ModelCIF file with pLDDT and N, C-alpha, C, O atoms, coordinates in Angstrom:
data_MODEL
#
_entry.id   MODEL 
#
_entity.id                         1 
_entity.type                       polymer 
_entity.pdbx_number_of_molecules   1 
#
_entity_poly.entity_id                      1 
_entity_poly.type                           'polypeptide(L)' 
_entity_poly.nstd_linkage                   no 
_entity_poly.nstd_monomer                   no 
_entity_poly.pdbx_seq_one_letter_code       DVFVADLAAALTALATDPKRAAGWGARAGGGPSSTSRG 
_entity_poly.pdbx_seq_one_letter_code_can   DVFVADLAAALTALATDPKRAAGWGARAGGGPSSTSRG 
_entity_poly.pdbx_strand_id                 A 
#
loop_
_entity_poly_seq.entity_id 
_entity_poly_seq.num 
_entity_poly_seq.mon_id 
_entity_poly_seq.hetero 
1 1  ASP n 
1 2  VAL n 
1 3  PHE n 
1 4  VAL n 
1 5  ALA n 
1 6  ASP n 
1 7  LEU n 
1 8  ALA n 
1 9  ALA n 
1 10 ALA n 
1 11 LEU n 
1 12 THR n 
1 13 ALA n 
1 14 LEU n 
1 15 ALA n 
1 16 THR n 
1 17 ASP n 
1 18 PRO n 
1 19 LYS n 
1 20 ARG n 
1 21 ALA n 
1 22 ALA n 
1 23 GLY n 
1 24 TRP n 
1 25 GLY n 
1 26 ALA n 
1 27 ARG n 
1 28 ALA n 
1 29 GLY n 
1 30 GLY n 
1 31 GLY n 
1 32 PRO n 
1 33 SER n 
1 34 SER n 
1 35 THR n 
1 36 SER n 
1 37 ARG n 
1 38 GLY n 
#
_struct_asym.id          A 
_struct_asym.entity_id   1 
#
loop_
_ma_qa_metric.id 
_ma_qa_metric.mode 
_ma_qa_metric.name 
_ma_qa_metric.software_group_id 
_ma_qa_metric.type 
1 global pLDDT . pLDDT 
2 local  pLDDT . pLDDT 
#
_ma_qa_metric_global.metric_id      1 
_ma_qa_metric_global.metric_value   68.82 
_ma_qa_metric_global.model_id       1 
_ma_qa_metric_global.ordinal_id     1 
#
loop_
_ma_qa_metric_local.label_asym_id 
_ma_qa_metric_local.label_comp_id 
_ma_qa_metric_local.label_seq_id 
_ma_qa_metric_local.metric_id 
_ma_qa_metric_local.metric_value 
_ma_qa_metric_local.model_id 
_ma_qa_metric_local.ordinal_id 
A ASP 1  2 93.00 1 1  
A VAL 2  2 95.00 1 2  
A PHE 3  2 93.00 1 3  
A VAL 4  2 92.00 1 4  
A ALA 5  2 94.00 1 5  
A ASP 6  2 94.00 1 6  
A LEU 7  2 93.00 1 7  
A ALA 8  2 92.00 1 8  
A ALA 9  2 92.00 1 9  
A ALA 10 2 91.00 1 10 
A LEU 11 2 90.00 1 11 
A THR 12 2 89.00 1 12 
A ALA 13 2 86.00 1 13 
A LEU 14 2 84.00 1 14 
A ALA 15 2 82.00 1 15 
A THR 16 2 84.00 1 16 
A ASP 17 2 82.00 1 17 
A PRO 18 2 73.00 1 18 
A LYS 19 2 77.00 1 19 
A ARG 20 2 78.00 1 20 
A ALA 21 2 75.00 1 21 
A ALA 22 2 72.00 1 22 
A GLY 23 2 64.00 1 23 
A TRP 24 2 69.00 1 24 
A GLY 25 2 58.00 1 25 
A ALA 26 2 54.00 1 26 
A ARG 27 2 53.00 1 27 
A ALA 28 2 55.00 1 28 
A GLY 29 2 50.00 1 29 
A GLY 30 2 41.00 1 30 
A GLY 31 2 37.00 1 31 
A PRO 32 2 35.00 1 32 
A SER 33 2 34.00 1 33 
A SER 34 2 33.00 1 34 
A THR 35 2 33.00 1 35 
A SER 36 2 33.00 1 36 
A ARG 37 2 31.00 1 37 
A GLY 38 2 34.00 1 38 
#
loop_
_atom_site.group_PDB 
_atom_site.id 
_atom_site.type_symbol 
_atom_site.label_atom_id 
_atom_site.label_alt_id 
_atom_site.label_comp_id 
_atom_site.label_asym_id 
_atom_site.label_entity_id 
_atom_site.label_seq_id 
_atom_site.pdbx_PDB_ins_code 
_atom_site.Cartn_x 
_atom_site.Cartn_y 
_atom_site.Cartn_z 
_atom_site.occupancy 
_atom_site.B_iso_or_equiv 
_atom_site.pdbx_formal_charge 
_atom_site.auth_seq_id 
_atom_site.auth_comp_id 
_atom_site.auth_asym_id 
_atom_site.auth_atom_id 
_atom_site.pdbx_PDB_model_num 
ATOM 1   N N  . ASP A 1 1  ? 0.824  -1.216 0.000   1.00 93.00 ? 1  ASP A N  1 
ATOM 2   C CA . ASP A 1 1  ? 0.000  0.000  0.000   1.00 93.00 ? 1  ASP A CA 1 
ATOM 3   C C  . ASP A 1 1  ? 0.857  1.263  0.000   1.00 93.00 ? 1  ASP A C  1 
ATOM 4   O O  . ASP A 1 1  ? 0.529  2.238  -0.675  1.00 93.00 ? 1  ASP A O  1 
ATOM 5   N N  . VAL A 1 2  ? 1.959  1.245  0.761   1.00 95.00 ? 2  VAL A N  1 
ATOM 6   C CA . VAL A 1 2  ? 2.863  2.401  0.781   1.00 95.00 ? 2  VAL A CA 1 
ATOM 7   C C  . VAL A 1 2  ? 3.524  2.555  -0.583  1.00 95.00 ? 2  VAL A C  1 
ATOM 8   O O  . VAL A 1 2  ? 3.635  3.669  -1.094  1.00 95.00 ? 2  VAL A O  1 
ATOM 9   N N  . PHE A 1 3  ? 3.968  1.441  -1.182  1.00 93.00 ? 3  PHE A N  1 
ATOM 10  C CA . PHE A 1 3  ? 4.599  1.493  -2.494  1.00 93.00 ? 3  PHE A CA 1 
ATOM 11  C C  . PHE A 1 3  ? 3.644  2.072  -3.541  1.00 93.00 ? 3  PHE A C  1 
ATOM 12  O O  . PHE A 1 3  ? 4.032  2.943  -4.320  1.00 93.00 ? 3  PHE A O  1 
ATOM 13  N N  . VAL A 1 4  ? 2.412  1.597  -3.561  1.00 92.00 ? 4  VAL A N  1 
ATOM 14  C CA . VAL A 1 4  ? 1.414  2.098  -4.517  1.00 92.00 ? 4  VAL A CA 1 
ATOM 15  C C  . VAL A 1 4  ? 1.139  3.581  -4.272  1.00 92.00 ? 4  VAL A C  1 
ATOM 16  O O  . VAL A 1 4  ? 1.006  4.353  -5.222  1.00 92.00 ? 4  VAL A O  1 
ATOM 17  N N  . ALA A 1 5  ? 1.055  3.976  -3.013  1.00 94.00 ? 5  ALA A N  1 
ATOM 18  C CA . ALA A 1 5  ? 0.818  5.396  -2.691  1.00 94.00 ? 5  ALA A CA 1 
ATOM 19  C C  . ALA A 1 5  ? 1.992  6.263  -3.142  1.00 94.00 ? 5  ALA A C  1 
ATOM 20  O O  . ALA A 1 5  ? 1.791  7.360  -3.662  1.00 94.00 ? 5  ALA A O  1 
ATOM 21  N N  . ASP A 1 6  ? 3.217  5.772  -2.942  1.00 94.00 ? 6  ASP A N  1 
ATOM 22  C CA . ASP A 1 6  ? 4.395  6.525  -3.386  1.00 94.00 ? 6  ASP A CA 1 
ATOM 23  C C  . ASP A 1 6  ? 4.450  6.628  -4.906  1.00 94.00 ? 6  ASP A C  1 
ATOM 24  O O  . ASP A 1 6  ? 4.819  7.669  -5.449  1.00 94.00 ? 6  ASP A O  1 
ATOM 25  N N  . LEU A 1 7  ? 4.083  5.552  -5.586  1.00 93.00 ? 7  LEU A N  1 
ATOM 26  C CA . LEU A 1 7  ? 4.043  5.567  -7.048  1.00 93.00 ? 7  LEU A CA 1 
ATOM 27  C C  . LEU A 1 7  ? 2.994  6.565  -7.530  1.00 93.00 ? 7  LEU A C  1 
ATOM 28  O O  . LEU A 1 7  ? 3.252  7.347  -8.445  1.00 93.00 ? 7  LEU A O  1 
ATOM 29  N N  . ALA A 1 8  ? 1.820  6.541  -6.919  1.00 92.00 ? 8  ALA A N  1 
ATOM 30  C CA . ALA A 1 8  ? 0.753  7.486  -7.279  1.00 92.00 ? 8  ALA A CA 1 
ATOM 31  C C  . ALA A 1 8  ? 1.197  8.921  -7.027  1.00 92.00 ? 8  ALA A C  1 
ATOM 32  O O  . ALA A 1 8  ? 0.887  9.808  -7.823  1.00 92.00 ? 8  ALA A O  1 
ATOM 33  N N  . ALA A 1 9  ? 1.910  9.162  -5.945  1.00 92.00 ? 9  ALA A N  1 
ATOM 34  C CA . ALA A 1 9  ? 2.386  10.516 -5.635  1.00 92.00 ? 9  ALA A CA 1 
ATOM 35  C C  . ALA A 1 9  ? 3.371  11.003 -6.700  1.00 92.00 ? 9  ALA A C  1 
ATOM 36  O O  . ALA A 1 9  ? 3.325  12.167 -7.100  1.00 92.00 ? 9  ALA A O  1 
ATOM 37  N N  . ALA A 1 10 ? 4.258  10.121 -7.159  1.00 91.00 ? 10 ALA A N  1 
ATOM 38  C CA . ALA A 1 10 ? 5.216  10.506 -8.203  1.00 91.00 ? 10 ALA A CA 1 
ATOM 39  C C  . ALA A 1 10 ? 4.498  10.844 -9.504  1.00 91.00 ? 10 ALA A C  1 
ATOM 40  O O  . ALA A 1 10 ? 4.835  11.825 -10.167 1.00 91.00 ? 10 ALA A O  1 
ATOM 41  N N  . LEU A 1 11 ? 3.506  10.031 -9.869  1.00 90.00 ? 11 LEU A N  1 
ATOM 42  C CA . LEU A 1 11 ? 2.744  10.297 -11.095 1.00 90.00 ? 11 LEU A CA 1 
ATOM 43  C C  . LEU A 1 11 ? 1.928  11.579 -10.958 1.00 90.00 ? 11 LEU A C  1 
ATOM 44  O O  . LEU A 1 11 ? 1.814  12.344 -11.915 1.00 90.00 ? 11 LEU A O  1 
ATOM 45  N N  . THR A 1 12 ? 1.368  11.816 -9.791  1.00 89.00 ? 12 THR A N  1 
ATOM 46  C CA . THR A 1 12 ? 0.612  13.044 -9.554  1.00 89.00 ? 12 THR A CA 1 
ATOM 47  C C  . THR A 1 12 ? 1.528  14.256 -9.651  1.00 89.00 ? 12 THR A C  1 
ATOM 48  O O  . THR A 1 12 ? 1.131  15.295 -10.179 1.00 89.00 ? 12 THR A O  1 
ATOM 49  N N  . ALA A 1 13 ? 2.752  14.130 -9.142  1.00 86.00 ? 13 ALA A N  1 
ATOM 50  C CA . ALA A 1 13 ? 3.711  15.240 -9.222  1.00 86.00 ? 13 ALA A CA 1 
ATOM 51  C C  . ALA A 1 13 ? 3.975  15.620 -10.677 1.00 86.00 ? 13 ALA A C  1 
ATOM 52  O O  . ALA A 1 13 ? 4.052  16.804 -11.006 1.00 86.00 ? 13 ALA A O  1 
ATOM 53  N N  . LEU A 1 14 ? 4.113  14.621 -11.546 1.00 84.00 ? 14 LEU A N  1 
ATOM 54  C CA . LEU A 1 14 ? 4.329  14.915 -12.965 1.00 84.00 ? 14 LEU A CA 1 
ATOM 55  C C  . LEU A 1 14 ? 3.071  15.478 -13.617 1.00 84.00 ? 14 LEU A C  1 
ATOM 56  O O  . LEU A 1 14 ? 3.150  16.379 -14.453 1.00 84.00 ? 14 LEU A O  1 
ATOM 57  N N  . ALA A 1 15 ? 1.918  14.950 -13.237 1.00 82.00 ? 15 ALA A N  1 
ATOM 58  C CA . ALA A 1 15 ? 0.662  15.408 -13.841 1.00 82.00 ? 15 ALA A CA 1 
ATOM 59  C C  . ALA A 1 15 ? 0.355  16.854 -13.456 1.00 82.00 ? 15 ALA A C  1 
ATOM 60  O O  . ALA A 1 15 ? -0.203 17.606 -14.255 1.00 82.00 ? 15 ALA A O  1 
ATOM 61  N N  . THR A 1 16 ? 0.716  17.238 -12.243 1.00 84.00 ? 16 THR A N  1 
ATOM 62  C CA . THR A 1 16 ? 0.417  18.598 -11.789 1.00 84.00 ? 16 THR A CA 1 
ATOM 63  C C  . THR A 1 16 ? 1.514  19.585 -12.155 1.00 84.00 ? 16 THR A C  1 
ATOM 64  O O  . THR A 1 16 ? 1.293  20.794 -12.100 1.00 84.00 ? 16 THR A O  1 
ATOM 65  N N  . ASP A 1 17 ? 2.690  19.096 -12.529 1.00 82.00 ? 17 ASP A N  1 
ATOM 66  C CA . ASP A 1 17 ? 3.794  19.975 -12.915 1.00 82.00 ? 17 ASP A CA 1 
ATOM 67  C C  . ASP A 1 17 ? 4.542  19.358 -14.090 1.00 82.00 ? 17 ASP A C  1 
ATOM 68  O O  . ASP A 1 17 ? 5.678  18.909 -13.935 1.00 82.00 ? 17 ASP A O  1 
ATOM 69  N N  . PRO A 1 18 ? 3.903  19.332 -15.285 1.00 73.00 ? 18 PRO A N  1 
ATOM 70  C CA . PRO A 1 18 ? 4.525  18.661 -16.433 1.00 73.00 ? 18 PRO A CA 1 
ATOM 71  C C  . PRO A 1 18 ? 5.859  19.274 -16.863 1.00 73.00 ? 18 PRO A C  1 
ATOM 72  O O  . PRO A 1 18 ? 6.669  18.589 -17.487 1.00 73.00 ? 18 PRO A O  1 
ATOM 73  N N  . LYS A 1 19 ? 6.104  20.536 -16.547 1.00 77.00 ? 19 LYS A N  1 
ATOM 74  C CA . LYS A 1 19 ? 7.378  21.156 -16.910 1.00 77.00 ? 19 LYS A CA 1 
ATOM 75  C C  . LYS A 1 19 ? 8.542  20.558 -16.120 1.00 77.00 ? 19 LYS A C  1 
ATOM 76  O O  . LYS A 1 19 ? 9.703  20.693 -16.506 1.00 77.00 ? 19 LYS A O  1 
ATOM 77  N N  . ARG A 1 20 ? 8.216  19.895 -15.009 1.00 78.00 ? 20 ARG A N  1 
ATOM 78  C CA . ARG A 1 20 ? 9.242  19.288 -14.172 1.00 78.00 ? 20 ARG A CA 1 
ATOM 79  C C  . ARG A 1 20 ? 10.107 18.316 -14.962 1.00 78.00 ? 20 ARG A C  1 
ATOM 80  O O  . ARG A 1 20 ? 11.311 18.222 -14.722 1.00 78.00 ? 20 ARG A O  1 
ATOM 81  N N  . ALA A 1 21 ? 9.508  17.596 -15.896 1.00 75.00 ? 21 ALA A N  1 
ATOM 82  C CA . ALA A 1 21 ? 10.228 16.581 -16.661 1.00 75.00 ? 21 ALA A CA 1 
ATOM 83  C C  . ALA A 1 21 ? 10.862 17.127 -17.928 1.00 75.00 ? 21 ALA A C  1 
ATOM 84  O O  . ALA A 1 21 ? 11.526 16.382 -18.648 1.00 75.00 ? 21 ALA A O  1 
ATOM 85  N N  . ALA A 1 22 ? 10.677 18.403 -18.219 1.00 72.00 ? 22 ALA A N  1 
ATOM 86  C CA . ALA A 1 22 ? 11.218 18.975 -19.452 1.00 72.00 ? 22 ALA A CA 1 
ATOM 87  C C  . ALA A 1 22 ? 12.735 18.769 -19.516 1.00 72.00 ? 22 ALA A C  1 
ATOM 88  O O  . ALA A 1 22 ? 13.470 19.164 -18.611 1.00 72.00 ? 22 ALA A O  1 
ATOM 89  N N  . GLY A 1 23 ? 13.173 18.155 -20.584 1.00 64.00 ? 23 GLY A N  1 
ATOM 90  C CA . GLY A 1 23 ? 14.599 17.976 -20.791 1.00 64.00 ? 23 GLY A CA 1 
ATOM 91  C C  . GLY A 1 23 ? 15.193 16.731 -20.159 1.00 64.00 ? 23 GLY A C  1 
ATOM 92  O O  . GLY A 1 23 ? 16.387 16.475 -20.321 1.00 64.00 ? 23 GLY A O  1 
ATOM 93  N N  . TRP A 1 24 ? 14.389 15.944 -19.440 1.00 69.00 ? 24 TRP A N  1 
ATOM 94  C CA . TRP A 1 24 ? 14.955 14.752 -18.818 1.00 69.00 ? 24 TRP A CA 1 
ATOM 95  C C  . TRP A 1 24 ? 15.584 13.845 -19.845 1.00 69.00 ? 24 TRP A C  1 
ATOM 96  O O  . TRP A 1 24 ? 16.684 13.339 -19.621 1.00 69.00 ? 24 TRP A O  1 
ATOM 97  N N  . GLY A 1 25 ? 14.925 13.623 -20.963 1.00 58.00 ? 25 GLY A N  1 
ATOM 98  C CA . GLY A 1 25 ? 15.484 12.746 -21.993 1.00 58.00 ? 25 GLY A CA 1 
ATOM 99  C C  . GLY A 1 25 ? 16.793 13.276 -22.529 1.00 58.00 ? 25 GLY A C  1 
ATOM 100 O O  . GLY A 1 25 ? 17.729 12.512 -22.759 1.00 58.00 ? 25 GLY A O  1 
ATOM 101 N N  . ALA A 1 26 ? 16.866 14.581 -22.730 1.00 54.00 ? 26 ALA A N  1 
ATOM 102 C CA . ALA A 1 26 ? 18.099 15.184 -23.231 1.00 54.00 ? 26 ALA A CA 1 
ATOM 103 C C  . ALA A 1 26 ? 19.211 15.053 -22.201 1.00 54.00 ? 26 ALA A C  1 
ATOM 104 O O  . ALA A 1 26 ? 20.349 14.747 -22.558 1.00 54.00 ? 26 ALA A O  1 
ATOM 105 N N  . ARG A 1 27 ? 18.900 15.281 -20.926 1.00 53.00 ? 27 ARG A N  1 
ATOM 106 C CA . ARG A 1 27 ? 19.918 15.165 -19.878 1.00 53.00 ? 27 ARG A CA 1 
ATOM 107 C C  . ARG A 1 27 ? 20.384 13.732 -19.721 1.00 53.00 ? 27 ARG A C  1 
ATOM 108 O O  . ARG A 1 27 ? 21.537 13.488 -19.366 1.00 53.00 ? 27 ARG A O  1 
ATOM 109 N N  . ALA A 1 28 ? 19.493 12.776 -19.984 1.00 55.00 ? 28 ALA A N  1 
ATOM 110 C CA . ALA A 1 28 ? 19.879 11.372 -19.842 1.00 55.00 ? 28 ALA A CA 1 
ATOM 111 C C  . ALA A 1 28 ? 21.014 11.025 -20.796 1.00 55.00 ? 28 ALA A C  1 
ATOM 112 O O  . ALA A 1 28 ? 21.861 10.191 -20.475 1.00 55.00 ? 28 ALA A O  1 
ATOM 113 N N  . GLY A 1 29 ? 21.036 11.654 -21.960 1.00 50.00 ? 29 GLY A N  1 
ATOM 114 C CA . GLY A 1 29 ? 22.086 11.380 -22.923 1.00 50.00 ? 29 GLY A CA 1 
ATOM 115 C C  . GLY A 1 29 ? 23.360 12.140 -22.645 1.00 50.00 ? 29 GLY A C  1 
ATOM 116 O O  . GLY A 1 29 ? 24.423 11.766 -23.139 1.00 50.00 ? 29 GLY A O  1 
ATOM 117 N N  . GLY A 1 30 ? 23.276 13.204 -21.859 1.00 41.00 ? 30 GLY A N  1 
ATOM 118 C CA . GLY A 1 30 ? 24.452 14.020 -21.615 1.00 41.00 ? 30 GLY A CA 1 
ATOM 119 C C  . GLY A 1 30 ? 24.993 13.885 -20.219 1.00 41.00 ? 30 GLY A C  1 
ATOM 120 O O  . GLY A 1 30 ? 25.964 14.557 -19.873 1.00 41.00 ? 30 GLY A O  1 
ATOM 121 N N  . GLY A 1 31 ? 24.404 13.046 -19.408 1.00 37.00 ? 31 GLY A N  1 
ATOM 122 C CA . GLY A 1 31 ? 24.868 12.879 -18.045 1.00 37.00 ? 31 GLY A CA 1 
ATOM 123 C C  . GLY A 1 31 ? 23.780 13.268 -17.082 1.00 37.00 ? 31 GLY A C  1 
ATOM 124 O O  . GLY A 1 31 ? 22.680 13.617 -17.511 1.00 37.00 ? 31 GLY A O  1 
ATOM 125 N N  . PRO A 1 32 ? 24.048 13.218 -15.794 1.00 35.00 ? 32 PRO A N  1 
ATOM 126 C CA . PRO A 1 32 ? 23.020 13.475 -14.800 1.00 35.00 ? 32 PRO A CA 1 
ATOM 127 C C  . PRO A 1 32 ? 22.386 14.854 -14.865 1.00 35.00 ? 32 PRO A C  1 
ATOM 128 O O  . PRO A 1 32 ? 21.216 15.003 -14.513 1.00 35.00 ? 32 PRO A O  1 
ATOM 129 N N  . SER A 1 33 ? 23.108 15.845 -15.295 1.00 34.00 ? 33 SER A N  1 
ATOM 130 C CA . SER A 1 33 ? 22.487 17.161 -15.428 1.00 34.00 ? 33 SER A CA 1 
ATOM 131 C C  . SER A 1 33 ? 23.241 17.973 -16.455 1.00 34.00 ? 33 SER A C  1 
ATOM 132 O O  . SER A 1 33 ? 24.427 17.751 -16.699 1.00 34.00 ? 33 SER A O  1 
ATOM 133 N N  . SER A 1 34 ? 22.542 18.911 -17.049 1.00 33.00 ? 34 SER A N  1 
ATOM 134 C CA . SER A 1 34 ? 23.184 19.705 -18.097 1.00 33.00 ? 34 SER A CA 1 
ATOM 135 C C  . SER A 1 34 ? 24.239 20.630 -17.505 1.00 33.00 ? 34 SER A C  1 
ATOM 136 O O  . SER A 1 34 ? 25.128 21.077 -18.230 1.00 33.00 ? 34 SER A O  1 
ATOM 137 N N  . THR A 1 35 ? 24.169 20.928 -16.222 1.00 33.00 ? 35 THR A N  1 
ATOM 138 C CA . THR A 1 35 ? 25.159 21.823 -15.627 1.00 33.00 ? 35 THR A CA 1 
ATOM 139 C C  . THR A 1 35 ? 26.418 21.096 -15.202 1.00 33.00 ? 35 THR A C  1 
ATOM 140 O O  . THR A 1 35 ? 27.482 21.710 -15.122 1.00 33.00 ? 35 THR A O  1 
ATOM 141 N N  . SER A 1 36 ? 26.324 19.793 -14.925 1.00 33.00 ? 36 SER A N  1 
ATOM 142 C CA . SER A 1 36 ? 27.494 19.082 -14.420 1.00 33.00 ? 36 SER A CA 1 
ATOM 143 C C  . SER A 1 36 ? 28.457 18.658 -15.528 1.00 33.00 ? 36 SER A C  1 
ATOM 144 O O  . SER A 1 36 ? 29.649 18.487 -15.272 1.00 33.00 ? 36 SER A O  1 
ATOM 145 N N  . ARG A 1 37 ? 27.960 18.485 -16.754 1.00 31.00 ? 37 ARG A N  1 
ATOM 146 C CA . ARG A 1 37 ? 28.838 18.005 -17.825 1.00 31.00 ? 37 ARG A CA 1 
ATOM 147 C C  . ARG A 1 37 ? 28.705 18.825 -19.100 1.00 31.00 ? 37 ARG A C  1 
ATOM 148 O O  . ARG A 1 37 ? 28.968 18.305 -20.184 1.00 31.00 ? 37 ARG A O  1 
ATOM 149 N N  . GLY A 1 38 ? 28.319 20.052 -19.008 1.00 34.00 ? 38 GLY A N  1 
ATOM 150 C CA . GLY A 1 38 ? 28.131 20.847 -20.204 1.00 34.00 ? 38 GLY A CA 1 
ATOM 151 C C  . GLY A 1 38 ? 26.762 20.623 -20.790 1.00 34.00 ? 38 GLY A C  1 
ATOM 152 O O  . GLY A 1 38 ? 26.424 21.218 -21.813 1.00 34.00 ? 38 GLY A O  1 
#
């Protein structure tokens, strides 16, 4: 129940703030963050 609630909270966070994930795919190819590796 805690796992499902935590999963739902993560999905809700993205649904309520879709800009939060902007650029994640691009950063995945360049390293953990665009500031740490250019």
